[in-house]
Amino acid sequence: MLKGLGALGDMAGMMKKAQEMQGKMAEMQEGLANLIVEGESGAGLVKATCTAKGELKGLDIDPSIFNGDDKEVVEDLILAAIKDAQTKAAERAQAEMAKLTEGMGLPADMKLPF
């Protein structure tokens, strides 16, 4: 259809692909907000859940760890569980991004958005 336009046809094709990518990126971002990952620490005594975008959604703390003398240990376990969940969220988001870029013929390690 645009073959006779030379460089203008190429530009139109690139613009169309950019719009497609923008739509797929928005769809993926919405999907990441709905994907839930779980991190844990202390052999599962503390669990944190968050979205694949890294938003903390909940904490589950086993009551057996509550002892007045262990306040610092409990705090450390909570932080460790949250960090684990956030790390898993980042990994999941990266995996979803790799699927998107690969599906569009882009290098899997391409960093998007620019």
Protein backbone atom coordinates (compact mmCIF):
# COMPACT_ATOMS: atom_id res chain seq x y z
CA MET A 1 0.00 0.00 0.00
CA LEU A 2 2.74 2.46 0.89
CA LYS A 3 5.50 0.96 -1.24
CA GLY A 4 5.59 3.80 -3.77
CA LEU A 5 6.20 6.38 -1.04
CA GLY A 6 9.78 5.33 -0.26
CA ALA A 7 11.01 6.70 3.07
CA LEU A 8 7.56 8.08 3.92
CA GLY A 9 6.11 4.57 3.69
CA ASP A 10 8.82 3.28 6.02
CA MET A 11 8.07 6.11 8.47
CA ALA A 12 4.35 5.33 8.38
CA GLY A 13 5.10 1.67 9.09
CA MET A 14 7.36 2.61 11.98
CA MET A 15 4.71 4.90 13.43
CA LYS A 16 2.13 2.12 13.22
CA LYS A 17 4.49 -0.30 15.01
CA ALA A 18 5.22 2.33 17.66
CA GLN A 19 1.49 2.77 18.29
CA GLU A 20 1.06 -1.00 18.54
CA MET A 21 3.91 -1.20 21.02
CA GLN A 22 2.45 1.65 23.07
CA GLY A 23 -0.87 -0.18 23.27
CA LYS A 24 0.79 -3.45 24.25
CA MET A 25 2.90 -1.66 26.88
CA ALA A 26 -0.21 -0.12 28.44
CA GLU A 27 -1.89 -3.53 28.44
CA MET A 28 1.15 -5.13 30.05
CA GLN A 29 1.35 -2.42 32.73
CA GLU A 30 -2.29 -3.06 33.60
CA GLY A 31 -1.59 -6.77 33.74
CA LEU A 32 1.36 -6.25 36.10
CA ALA A 33 -0.94 -4.47 38.53
CA ASN A 34 -3.04 -7.65 38.69
CA LEU A 35 -0.22 -10.19 39.00
CA ILE A 36 0.46 -11.10 42.63
CA VAL A 37 3.80 -12.43 43.88
CA GLU A 38 4.72 -13.61 47.36
CA GLY A 39 7.98 -13.19 49.23
CA GLU A 40 8.86 -14.83 52.51
CA SER A 41 11.45 -14.97 55.25
CA GLY A 42 12.12 -17.02 58.34
CA ALA A 43 11.18 -20.26 56.57
CA GLY A 44 7.72 -18.89 55.85
CA LEU A 45 7.06 -17.29 59.24
CA VAL A 46 6.62 -13.92 57.52
CA LYS A 47 5.07 -13.62 54.07
CA ALA A 48 4.57 -10.47 52.02
CA THR A 49 2.41 -10.22 48.92
CA CYS A 50 2.70 -7.50 46.32
CA THR A 51 1.78 -6.82 42.73
CA ALA A 52 4.30 -7.38 39.96
CA LYS A 53 4.57 -3.58 39.92
CA GLY A 54 5.96 -3.77 43.48
CA GLU A 55 2.95 -2.42 45.38
CA LEU A 56 2.72 -4.11 48.79
CA LYS A 57 -0.69 -5.73 49.22
CA GLY A 58 -0.42 -7.72 52.43
CA LEU A 59 1.61 -9.27 55.22
CA ASP A 60 1.05 -12.60 56.92
CA ILE A 61 2.95 -13.01 60.18
CA ASP A 62 2.96 -16.26 62.12
CA PRO A 63 2.00 -15.36 65.73
CA SER A 64 4.71 -17.66 67.10
CA ILE A 65 7.38 -15.05 66.33
CA PHE A 66 5.92 -12.45 68.70
CA ASN A 67 8.05 -12.33 71.77
CA GLY A 68 8.92 -9.01 73.40
CA ASP A 69 12.62 -9.85 73.43
CA ASP A 70 12.71 -10.53 69.67
CA LYS A 71 11.38 -7.21 68.38
CA GLU A 72 14.42 -6.57 66.16
CA VAL A 73 14.32 -10.10 64.75
CA VAL A 74 10.63 -9.69 63.85
CA GLU A 75 11.32 -6.34 62.18
CA ASP A 76 14.17 -7.88 60.18
CA LEU A 77 11.97 -10.79 59.09
CA ILE A 78 9.25 -8.40 57.94
CA LEU A 79 11.70 -6.29 55.94
CA ALA A 80 13.28 -9.41 54.43
CA ALA A 81 9.88 -10.74 53.32
CA ILE A 82 8.95 -7.40 51.74
CA LYS A 83 12.30 -7.19 49.92
CA ASP A 84 11.89 -10.77 48.69
CA ALA A 85 8.42 -9.98 47.33
CA GLN A 86 9.68 -6.81 45.64
CA THR A 87 12.59 -8.69 44.06
CA LYS A 88 10.22 -11.34 42.74
CA ALA A 89 7.92 -8.58 41.46
CA ALA A 90 10.78 -6.96 39.54
CA GLU A 91 11.80 -10.32 38.08
CA ARG A 92 8.22 -11.04 37.02
CA ALA A 93 7.86 -7.59 35.43
CA GLN A 94 11.14 -8.13 33.54
CA ALA A 95 9.94 -11.52 32.31
CA GLU A 96 6.67 -10.01 31.08
CA MET A 97 8.58 -7.22 29.34
CA ALA A 98 10.85 -9.78 27.65
CA LYS A 99 7.77 -11.59 26.32
CA LEU A 100 6.44 -8.32 24.91
CA THR A 101 9.67 -7.24 23.22
CA GLU A 102 10.31 -10.74 21.86
CA GLY A 103 6.81 -10.87 20.42
CA MET A 104 7.48 -7.63 18.57
CA GLY A 105 10.79 -8.80 17.15
CA LEU A 106 12.89 -6.64 19.48
CA PRO A 107 15.91 -7.89 21.43
CA ALA A 108 14.82 -9.58 24.68
CA ASP A 109 17.22 -7.46 26.76
CA MET A 110 15.98 -4.16 25.32
CA LYS A 111 15.10 -1.78 28.13
CA LEU A 112 11.61 -0.32 27.79
CA PRO A 113 10.24 2.22 28.26
CA PHE A 114 13.17 4.18 26.90
